[in-house]
């Protein structure tokens, strides 16, 4: 399963009005999505791949906070 940022944004729902809190909730949402995938996998190689993908995705989201916040407010 390849998780794209647009898919993560589409799967995220919140009633939070504050942009900063909404962004932090989105980061948590992304982290938990990857954790669920990692727990369902038995192969150590695939687990390491998902951990790397999770870290890269979260790093990208943090580096592009303003862009992601704008997408979340739509």
Protein backbone atom coordinates (compact mmCIF):
# COMPACT_ATOMS: atom_id res chain seq x y z
CA UNK A 1 0.00 0.00 0.00
CA UNK A 2 1.51 3.27 -1.10
CA UNK A 3 0.27 6.14 1.00
CA UNK A 4 0.25 9.47 -0.77
CA UNK A 5 -0.13 12.77 1.01
CA UNK A 6 -3.39 13.55 -0.82
CA UNK A 7 -4.82 10.22 0.35
CA UNK A 8 -3.76 11.01 3.91
CA UNK A 9 -5.39 14.45 3.69
CA UNK A 10 -8.60 12.93 2.29
CA UNK A 11 -8.76 10.37 5.10
CA UNK A 12 -8.29 13.06 7.78
CA UNK A 13 -11.38 14.55 9.43
CA UNK A 14 -11.50 16.93 12.37
CA UNK A 15 -13.73 19.61 13.85
CA UNK A 16 -10.74 21.64 15.06
CA UNK A 17 -10.86 25.32 14.05
CA UNK A 18 -7.32 26.28 15.10
CA UNK A 19 -4.93 25.77 12.15
CA UNK A 20 -1.97 24.83 14.35
CA UNK A 21 -3.90 22.20 16.26
CA UNK A 22 -5.43 20.86 13.04
CA UNK A 23 -1.93 20.49 11.58
CA UNK A 24 -0.66 18.66 14.70
CA UNK A 25 -3.72 16.38 14.64
CA UNK A 26 -2.96 15.63 10.99
CA UNK A 27 0.63 14.68 11.85
CA UNK A 28 -0.68 12.35 14.54
CA UNK A 29 -3.21 10.91 12.08
CA UNK A 30 -0.42 10.15 9.59
CA UNK A 31 1.71 8.53 12.28
CA UNK A 32 -1.14 6.28 13.42
CA UNK A 33 -1.98 5.23 9.84
CA UNK A 34 1.58 4.02 9.37
CA UNK A 35 1.60 2.32 12.78
CA UNK A 36 -1.52 0.33 11.86
CA UNK A 37 0.14 -0.80 8.64
CA UNK A 38 3.35 -1.75 10.44
CA UNK A 39 1.47 -3.83 13.04
CA UNK A 40 -0.27 -5.83 10.29
CA UNK A 41 2.98 -6.81 8.53
CA UNK A 42 4.99 -9.88 9.50
CA UNK A 43 8.05 -9.40 7.27
CA UNK A 44 10.94 -7.58 8.93
CA UNK A 45 12.03 -6.17 5.57
CA UNK A 46 8.58 -4.68 4.91
CA UNK A 47 8.39 -3.31 8.45
CA UNK A 48 11.69 -1.50 7.93
CA UNK A 49 10.44 -0.17 4.59
CA UNK A 50 7.27 1.22 6.21
CA UNK A 51 9.25 2.76 9.06
CA UNK A 52 11.49 4.52 6.54
CA UNK A 53 8.46 5.62 4.52
CA UNK A 54 6.76 6.92 7.69
CA UNK A 55 9.85 8.88 8.73
CA UNK A 56 10.28 10.36 5.25
CA UNK A 57 6.61 11.32 5.02
CA UNK A 58 6.58 12.98 8.43
CA UNK A 59 9.80 14.80 7.61
CA UNK A 60 8.27 16.06 4.36
CA UNK A 61 5.11 17.18 6.17
CA UNK A 62 7.13 19.09 8.75
CA UNK A 63 9.30 20.76 6.11
CA UNK A 64 6.21 21.85 4.15
CA UNK A 65 4.04 22.90 7.10
CA UNK A 66 2.58 26.01 5.42
CA UNK A 67 1.56 24.15 2.26
CA UNK A 68 0.00 21.29 4.21
CA UNK A 69 -1.84 23.71 6.53
CA UNK A 70 -3.34 25.42 3.48
CA UNK A 71 -4.49 22.10 2.04
CA UNK A 72 -6.04 21.14 5.39
CA UNK A 73 -8.02 24.38 5.63
CA UNK A 74 -9.84 23.81 2.35
